[in-house]
Each structure stands twice: as structure tokens, then as C-alpha cells.
Amino acid sequence: MAIITSANLANAIVKLVAVDALPALMGNLVMGNLVTRDFEPTLANAGDTVNVPVPPIMTAYNLAEGGAVTPQNPEVTTAQIILNTHAEATFTIPDVTKVIAVPDLLRLYMQPAMVALAERVESDLLNLYSQFTANTPVGTGGSALTEATVDAAETALFNAKVPAAEQKYLVVDGASYGQLRQISRFSEYDKAGETGLKAIIDGSIGKLKDFYVFRSQFVKKTGSAPVTTNNIAFAKNAIGLAIRRLPKPLSGTGAIAEYAELGNFGMRVVMSYQPNTLAQQFTVDMLYGVGVLRNSFGVQVRS
């Protein structure tokens, strides 16, 4: 029978926090769940550069009867993303042993920390809107988002040869989302069927003009009187989120760390003792960088 010691209890607590941390973070992400995530369980430092592979575009040729195939030499290009963000959220728990006995107490502390990290990732990803320069921006700043604007965004991505099988997303702010819900052609049962009924009752747009529509509180706004809302329409391969491991603290320094990793996403959880407050300090942190992978696969949607 294993003997319970302070050492293995401390490790168990950190593992418990790590297990709860990642699902809480993923549940608060919008953009982070839509873009291409590049994660490797290798150690890295802030400022390192990651080369994210970008899938090549190939052409389908007609094979004539008795003819030969047309060999292609697709080149897998890479986009460089700099790991320039070391985001952290730190909290203390006076009586850490209660975490083992009362799991809800852990969630009480953990949820705000995960929300803070998710908000930082969302904000950085949505701040990439200005780097989509290959396609002409659609819509007018300070004006309501219209069906014609959404249609123009979808057409721009179609003309950019975004594969038909690749999902396309439209991420807008709350006001723009409300404007789309009020377009009668999409929000009334007699015009849009079950989809329109859902928009009225559940408040969810779902899919519109081949876009899966989401709203975020962190869509960037620029200018003044009128303010321009910089919504984004994009395919998954347009944006990359690169994440790498941070090293664990040196053994014997009074800190214990575990990694929480799932689905191309990862973070570090560090527990240490703070003698000034007589409490255990938890730091949940991650090293990441964001960047545009394929410029033509995204378009600014202004409102």
C-alpha cells in the first residue's frame, strides 16, 4: 500500500489542477477553436520562431482514355510564427488541501484564470484582421452588417480558391451578430424554416451564406465617430496558433509543475509556496504566437 506523503500529495494536487485547467480554457475559446493549431511537446523560449506547414494547392486534370497522368510537384510552404506571448494567470489558495476534498472549490479559483487566458488568446487572434490584405475589405465602417456584405465576403473567399470542403467562419461582434439575426430572410420561419425559428428562439444564427457564424466580445474596433468594427471572415488555414512547452522549474526549488495538453493545445501549471501569505500559489501559463498562414483565405468584414 502506497504511503501518502507531502511530496506525492503536492504532485497529486498539481495534476488535479492540470486536468481541470485545459477543458475550462477550451470551453471559453471561440477563435482558438477555429484556427489551425500547431502544438508540439517540445521546449521553447519566448522569441523562438515556429515554421508552420501550409497545405499546398493542387489541380485536378482530366485523364483521357489511354492517356497518362499529369505529375505535380506540390510544394509544402511554411509560415513563420514567433512565440512572442508568454501569458499567465496566477492565483493563491490558502488551504490547498481543501481542493482534494471539495472539487468545486478548485473550479471557483480555476475558472477566472482560464477565462483570463482565453481572453488573451482571443484578443491576439482577432487582432490579425489588419494582416488580411490579399482581398479587398467588404462592408462599411459604422454601418449595419447586411446580407450583401456577407455575400461579398463569401464570394471573395470563393474567388481566392478556398476549397469547397473547407469550413469557413465569420466572427463578428455582438452588435453585428444582432444585425444579422434581424435580417428577415434568415430569421423568420416562413422564409428560412427551422433555421429562422432557431434564430428567433435560441438566438443562434448557425450557418449563413456558407459561413459558420460566431460572435466574440474581442472583435477589434478602430476610429471614432463612426467606429469601425473589424469582423473577420476566414477559412481554418488562414490563421495559425502555435503553442510550445515551457520548461519545468528546477528540481528542489520549491515549485512543482505539470503539463496540461490536449488536441494541439497545451499549458503549464506550476504550484509553489508563498511564505509571505502562507498560501499555495498556482500559475497557469502558456507560450504561444499567432500569425496569418494564408493571406488570401481571409477577408476583413467591416461594420
Protein backbone atom coordinates (compact mmCIF):
# COMPACT_ATOMS: atom_id res chain seq x y z
CA MET A 1 0.00 0.00 0.00
CA ALA A 2 1.41 3.37 -1.03
CA ILE A 3 2.20 5.77 1.78
CA ILE A 4 0.74 9.26 1.50
CA THR A 5 3.48 11.84 1.89
CA SER A 6 3.57 15.60 1.48
CA ALA A 7 5.57 15.16 -1.72
CA ASN A 8 3.15 12.87 -3.55
CA LEU A 9 0.19 14.83 -2.21
CA ALA A 10 1.65 18.00 -3.71
CA ASN A 11 2.16 16.28 -7.04
CA ALA A 12 -1.40 14.94 -6.93
CA ILE A 13 -2.78 18.45 -6.34
CA VAL A 14 -0.87 19.89 -9.30
CA LYS A 15 -2.06 17.06 -11.54
CA LEU A 16 -5.64 17.66 -10.40
CA VAL A 17 -5.35 21.34 -11.28
CA ALA A 18 -3.80 20.50 -14.66
CA VAL A 19 -6.58 18.06 -15.53
CA ASP A 20 -9.26 20.67 -14.84
CA ALA A 21 -7.39 23.57 -16.44
CA LEU A 22 -7.44 22.72 -20.14
CA PRO A 23 -11.13 21.79 -20.56
CA ALA A 24 -12.03 25.03 -18.78
CA LEU A 25 -9.85 27.02 -21.16
CA MET A 26 -11.08 25.31 -24.32
CA GLY A 27 -14.69 25.95 -23.31
CA ASN A 28 -14.04 29.70 -23.25
CA LEU A 29 -12.34 29.92 -26.66
CA VAL A 30 -14.02 30.99 -29.89
CA MET A 31 -11.24 31.86 -32.33
CA GLY A 32 -8.83 29.47 -30.63
CA ASN A 33 -11.08 26.57 -31.58
CA LEU A 34 -11.49 27.67 -35.22
CA VAL A 35 -7.94 28.35 -36.40
CA THR A 36 -5.11 25.97 -37.26
CA ARG A 37 -3.35 24.98 -34.04
CA ASP A 38 0.27 23.86 -34.16
CA PHE A 39 1.46 22.22 -30.96
CA GLU A 40 4.50 20.08 -30.23
CA PRO A 41 5.54 18.85 -26.78
CA THR A 42 9.00 20.35 -27.21
CA LEU A 43 10.53 23.02 -25.00
CA ALA A 44 10.81 26.54 -26.37
CA ASN A 45 11.55 30.05 -25.18
CA ALA A 46 9.85 33.37 -25.81
CA GLY A 47 11.10 34.80 -29.09
CA ASP A 48 11.64 31.44 -30.81
CA THR A 49 10.28 31.05 -34.34
CA VAL A 50 8.00 28.19 -35.40
CA ASN A 51 7.62 27.16 -39.03
CA VAL A 52 4.02 26.06 -39.53
CA PRO A 53 3.42 23.98 -42.69
CA VAL A 54 0.78 25.31 -45.07
CA PRO A 55 -1.04 22.69 -47.22
CA PRO A 56 -0.28 23.08 -50.95
CA ILE A 57 -2.92 23.70 -53.60
CA MET A 58 -3.18 21.05 -56.32
CA THR A 59 -5.00 20.90 -59.63
CA ALA A 60 -7.31 18.15 -60.91
CA TYR A 61 -6.63 17.18 -64.54
CA ASN A 62 -8.77 15.22 -66.96
CA LEU A 63 -7.35 11.80 -67.73
CA ALA A 64 -8.13 10.97 -71.36
CA GLU A 65 -8.76 7.40 -72.45
CA GLY A 66 -5.40 5.76 -72.90
CA GLY A 67 -3.60 8.89 -71.74
CA ALA A 68 -1.15 9.43 -68.91
CA VAL A 69 -1.50 11.17 -65.60
CA THR A 70 -0.09 14.65 -65.11
CA PRO A 71 2.51 14.58 -62.31
CA GLN A 72 2.50 17.52 -59.95
CA ASN A 73 5.17 18.71 -57.59
CA PRO A 74 3.23 20.41 -54.82
CA GLU A 75 5.43 22.47 -52.58
CA VAL A 76 4.60 22.49 -48.91
CA THR A 77 5.34 26.04 -47.84
CA THR A 78 5.73 27.24 -44.28
CA ALA A 79 4.62 30.34 -42.45
CA GLN A 80 6.72 31.69 -39.62
CA ILE A 81 5.09 32.40 -36.29
CA ILE A 82 7.10 33.96 -33.48
CA LEU A 83 6.40 32.68 -29.96
CA ASN A 84 6.19 36.19 -28.56
CA THR A 85 3.50 35.80 -25.91
CA HIS A 86 4.02 34.22 -22.51
CA ALA A 87 0.57 34.55 -20.97
CA GLU A 88 -0.05 33.69 -17.33
CA ALA A 89 -2.81 33.76 -14.76
CA THR A 90 -1.86 33.34 -11.12
CA PHE A 91 -3.97 32.75 -8.02
CA THR A 92 -3.42 31.60 -4.44
CA ILE A 93 -5.31 29.11 -2.30
CA PRO A 94 -4.84 29.48 1.50
CA ASP A 95 -5.76 25.89 2.37
CA VAL A 96 -4.83 23.83 -0.67
CA THR A 97 -5.78 20.50 0.94
CA LYS A 98 -9.44 21.51 0.64
CA VAL A 99 -9.04 21.24 -3.14
CA ILE A 100 -8.82 17.47 -2.80
CA ALA A 101 -11.94 17.24 -0.64
CA VAL A 102 -14.02 19.91 -2.41
CA PRO A 103 -13.53 19.85 -6.22
CA ASP A 104 -15.97 22.75 -6.66
CA LEU A 105 -13.55 24.95 -4.72
CA LEU A 106 -10.89 24.31 -7.36
CA ARG A 107 -13.27 25.32 -10.12
CA LEU A 108 -14.08 28.50 -8.22
CA TYR A 109 -10.43 29.53 -8.40
CA MET A 110 -9.66 27.99 -11.79
CA GLN A 111 -12.47 29.44 -13.88
CA PRO A 112 -11.41 33.12 -13.68
CA ALA A 113 -7.80 32.18 -14.50
CA MET A 114 -8.87 30.22 -17.58
CA VAL A 115 -11.18 33.00 -18.73
CA ALA A 116 -8.28 35.45 -18.49
CA LEU A 117 -6.03 33.24 -20.65
CA ALA A 118 -8.79 32.59 -23.17
CA GLU A 119 -9.48 36.32 -23.50
CA ARG A 120 -5.80 36.99 -24.19
CA VAL A 121 -5.66 34.35 -26.93
CA GLU A 122 -8.92 35.57 -28.49
CA SER A 123 -7.75 39.16 -28.50
CA ASP A 124 -4.44 38.33 -30.17
CA LEU A 125 -6.09 36.21 -32.87
CA LEU A 126 -8.73 38.81 -33.70
CA ASN A 127 -6.05 41.49 -33.85
CA LEU A 128 -4.76 39.80 -37.03
CA TYR A 129 -7.61 41.32 -39.05
CA SER A 130 -5.37 44.06 -40.50
CA GLN A 131 -2.99 41.47 -41.98
CA PHE A 132 -5.65 40.17 -44.38
CA THR A 133 -4.67 42.36 -47.31
CA ALA A 134 -4.95 39.97 -50.27
CA ASN A 135 -8.72 40.51 -50.52
CA THR A 136 -10.42 43.90 -50.61
CA PRO A 137 -12.28 44.56 -47.33
CA VAL A 138 -16.06 44.34 -47.59
CA GLY A 139 -18.68 46.37 -45.76
CA THR A 140 -18.62 49.94 -44.49
CA GLY A 141 -17.37 51.09 -41.12
CA GLY A 142 -20.10 52.45 -38.86
CA SER A 143 -22.87 50.81 -40.93
CA ALA A 144 -25.03 47.79 -40.14
CA LEU A 145 -23.82 44.42 -41.37
CA THR A 146 -26.01 43.38 -44.32
CA GLU A 147 -26.73 40.28 -46.32
CA ALA A 148 -24.90 41.82 -49.28
CA THR A 149 -21.76 42.29 -47.21
CA VAL A 150 -21.76 38.68 -46.01
CA ASP A 151 -22.38 37.56 -49.59
CA ALA A 152 -19.42 39.63 -50.80
CA ALA A 153 -17.16 38.07 -48.15
CA GLU A 154 -18.12 34.55 -49.20
CA THR A 155 -17.58 35.43 -52.86
CA ALA A 156 -14.12 36.82 -52.05
CA LEU A 157 -13.09 33.55 -50.40
CA PHE A 158 -14.58 31.55 -53.28
CA ASN A 159 -12.56 33.59 -55.79
CA ALA A 160 -9.48 33.01 -53.62
CA LYS A 161 -9.99 29.27 -54.27
CA VAL A 162 -10.76 28.25 -50.73
CA PRO A 163 -11.62 24.53 -51.13
CA ALA A 164 -15.35 23.88 -51.07
CA ALA A 165 -14.89 21.17 -48.45
CA GLU A 166 -13.07 23.52 -46.08
CA GLN A 167 -15.24 25.13 -43.43
CA LYS A 168 -15.48 28.90 -43.45
CA TYR A 169 -16.13 31.09 -40.43
CA LEU A 170 -17.45 34.58 -39.82
CA VAL A 171 -16.61 36.06 -36.42
CA VAL A 172 -18.39 39.31 -35.57
CA ASP A 173 -19.04 41.46 -32.52
CA GLY A 174 -22.29 41.42 -30.56
CA ALA A 175 -23.93 44.30 -32.39
CA SER A 176 -23.17 42.85 -35.82
CA TYR A 177 -24.46 39.45 -34.72
CA GLY A 178 -27.70 41.11 -33.66
CA GLN A 179 -27.97 42.85 -37.02
CA LEU A 180 -27.64 39.54 -38.84
CA ARG A 181 -30.35 37.98 -36.64
CA GLN A 182 -32.75 40.71 -37.70
CA ILE A 183 -32.44 40.11 -41.44
CA SER A 184 -35.93 38.79 -42.15
CA ARG A 185 -34.81 36.40 -44.87
CA PHE A 186 -32.82 34.45 -42.27
CA SER A 187 -34.77 34.95 -39.06
CA GLU A 188 -38.36 34.13 -39.96
CA TYR A 189 -39.83 30.66 -40.13
CA ASP A 190 -41.78 31.25 -43.35
CA LYS A 191 -38.57 32.29 -45.12
CA ALA A 192 -35.79 30.26 -43.52
CA GLY A 193 -37.65 27.30 -41.98
CA GLU A 194 -36.15 25.69 -38.88
CA THR A 195 -33.01 27.83 -39.15
CA GLY A 196 -35.04 31.02 -38.93
CA LEU A 197 -37.03 29.64 -35.99
CA LYS A 198 -33.82 28.82 -34.17
CA ALA A 199 -32.51 32.34 -34.76
CA ILE A 200 -35.63 33.77 -33.13
CA ILE A 201 -35.96 31.37 -30.18
CA ASP A 202 -32.38 30.35 -29.40
CA GLY A 203 -30.71 33.50 -30.72
CA SER A 204 -28.28 31.35 -32.70
CA ILE A 205 -27.60 32.07 -36.36
CA GLY A 206 -25.73 28.87 -37.07
CA LYS A 207 -24.75 28.81 -40.74
CA LEU A 208 -25.26 31.72 -43.11
CA LYS A 209 -24.07 32.06 -46.73
CA ASP A 210 -21.76 29.06 -46.19
CA PHE A 211 -20.25 30.66 -43.07
CA TYR A 212 -20.49 29.28 -39.58
CA VAL A 213 -21.22 32.50 -37.70
CA PHE A 214 -19.79 33.18 -34.24
CA ARG A 215 -19.68 36.26 -32.05
CA SER A 216 -16.88 37.47 -29.85
CA GLN A 217 -16.50 40.29 -27.36
CA PHE A 218 -12.96 40.89 -28.59
CA VAL A 219 -13.52 41.88 -32.22
CA LYS A 220 -11.32 44.92 -32.78
CA LYS A 221 -12.80 48.39 -33.16
CA THR A 222 -10.93 51.33 -34.69
CA GLY A 223 -11.56 55.02 -35.32
CA SER A 224 -14.15 57.24 -33.78
CA ALA A 225 -17.47 58.75 -34.84
CA PRO A 226 -18.22 56.42 -36.54
CA VAL A 227 -16.36 53.48 -35.03
CA THR A 228 -15.34 50.73 -37.47
CA THR A 229 -15.87 47.16 -36.30
CA ASN A 230 -13.29 44.86 -37.88
CA ASN A 231 -15.04 41.50 -38.17
CA ILE A 232 -13.22 38.62 -39.88
CA ALA A 233 -14.32 36.00 -42.43
CA PHE A 234 -11.79 33.22 -42.92
CA ALA A 235 -11.03 29.57 -43.57
CA LYS A 236 -9.22 27.49 -40.98
CA ASN A 237 -5.89 27.54 -42.82
CA ALA A 238 -5.89 31.35 -42.87
CA ILE A 239 -4.71 31.73 -39.26
CA GLY A 240 -2.27 29.80 -37.12
CA LEU A 241 -1.89 29.48 -33.36
CA ALA A 242 1.47 27.96 -32.42
CA ILE A 243 1.99 26.68 -28.88
CA ARG A 244 5.08 25.14 -27.30
CA ARG A 245 6.01 23.82 -23.87
CA LEU A 246 7.63 25.95 -21.22
CA PRO A 247 10.35 24.25 -19.15
CA LYS A 248 9.58 22.94 -15.69
CA PRO A 249 11.19 24.65 -12.68
CA LEU A 250 14.46 23.22 -11.44
CA SER A 251 14.06 20.35 -9.00
CA GLY A 252 14.44 21.37 -5.37
CA THR A 253 13.49 25.00 -5.91
CA GLY A 254 10.16 24.60 -4.12
CA ALA A 255 7.96 24.58 -7.21
CA ILE A 256 6.12 21.64 -8.83
CA ALA A 257 4.89 21.72 -12.42
CA GLU A 258 2.70 19.59 -14.66
CA TYR A 259 1.64 19.95 -18.29
CA ALA A 260 -1.97 20.01 -19.46
CA GLU A 261 -2.10 19.06 -23.13
CA LEU A 262 -4.99 18.06 -25.36
CA GLY A 263 -5.95 18.50 -29.01
CA ASN A 264 -2.99 20.60 -30.21
CA PHE A 265 -3.23 22.79 -27.16
CA GLY A 266 -1.01 22.88 -24.12
CA MET A 267 -0.16 24.83 -20.99
CA ARG A 268 1.88 24.53 -17.83
CA VAL A 269 0.62 24.50 -14.25
CA VAL A 270 3.09 25.49 -11.53
CA MET A 271 2.47 25.27 -7.77
CA SER A 272 4.75 26.98 -5.27
CA TYR A 273 4.57 28.04 -1.64
CA GLN A 274 4.40 31.73 -0.77
CA PRO A 275 5.75 32.26 2.79
CA ASN A 276 4.60 35.88 2.91
CA THR A 277 0.96 34.87 2.58
CA LEU A 278 1.22 31.31 3.93
CA ALA A 279 -0.64 30.12 0.84
CA GLN A 280 -0.03 27.93 -2.17
CA GLN A 281 0.38 29.87 -5.39
CA PHE A 282 -0.77 28.41 -8.71
CA THR A 283 0.36 29.82 -12.05
CA VAL A 284 -1.24 28.62 -15.25
CA ASP A 285 0.79 29.82 -18.21
CA MET A 286 1.39 29.15 -21.89
CA LEU A 287 3.86 30.18 -24.57
CA TYR A 288 2.31 30.91 -27.94
CA GLY A 289 2.33 33.03 -31.05
CA VAL A 290 -0.28 33.85 -33.70
CA GLY A 291 0.05 34.68 -37.36
CA VAL A 292 -1.55 34.66 -40.79
CA LEU A 293 -0.77 31.44 -42.66
CA ARG A 294 -2.57 32.09 -45.94
CA ASN A 295 -3.44 35.73 -46.58
CA SER A 296 -5.94 35.10 -49.39
CA PHE A 297 -8.05 32.81 -47.18
CA GLY A 298 -9.26 35.69 -45.00
CA VAL A 299 -11.12 38.94 -45.57
CA GLN A 300 -11.96 41.93 -43.39
CA VAL A 301 -15.70 42.42 -42.89
CA ARG A 302 -16.34 45.97 -41.71
CA SER A 303 -19.44 47.25 -39.97
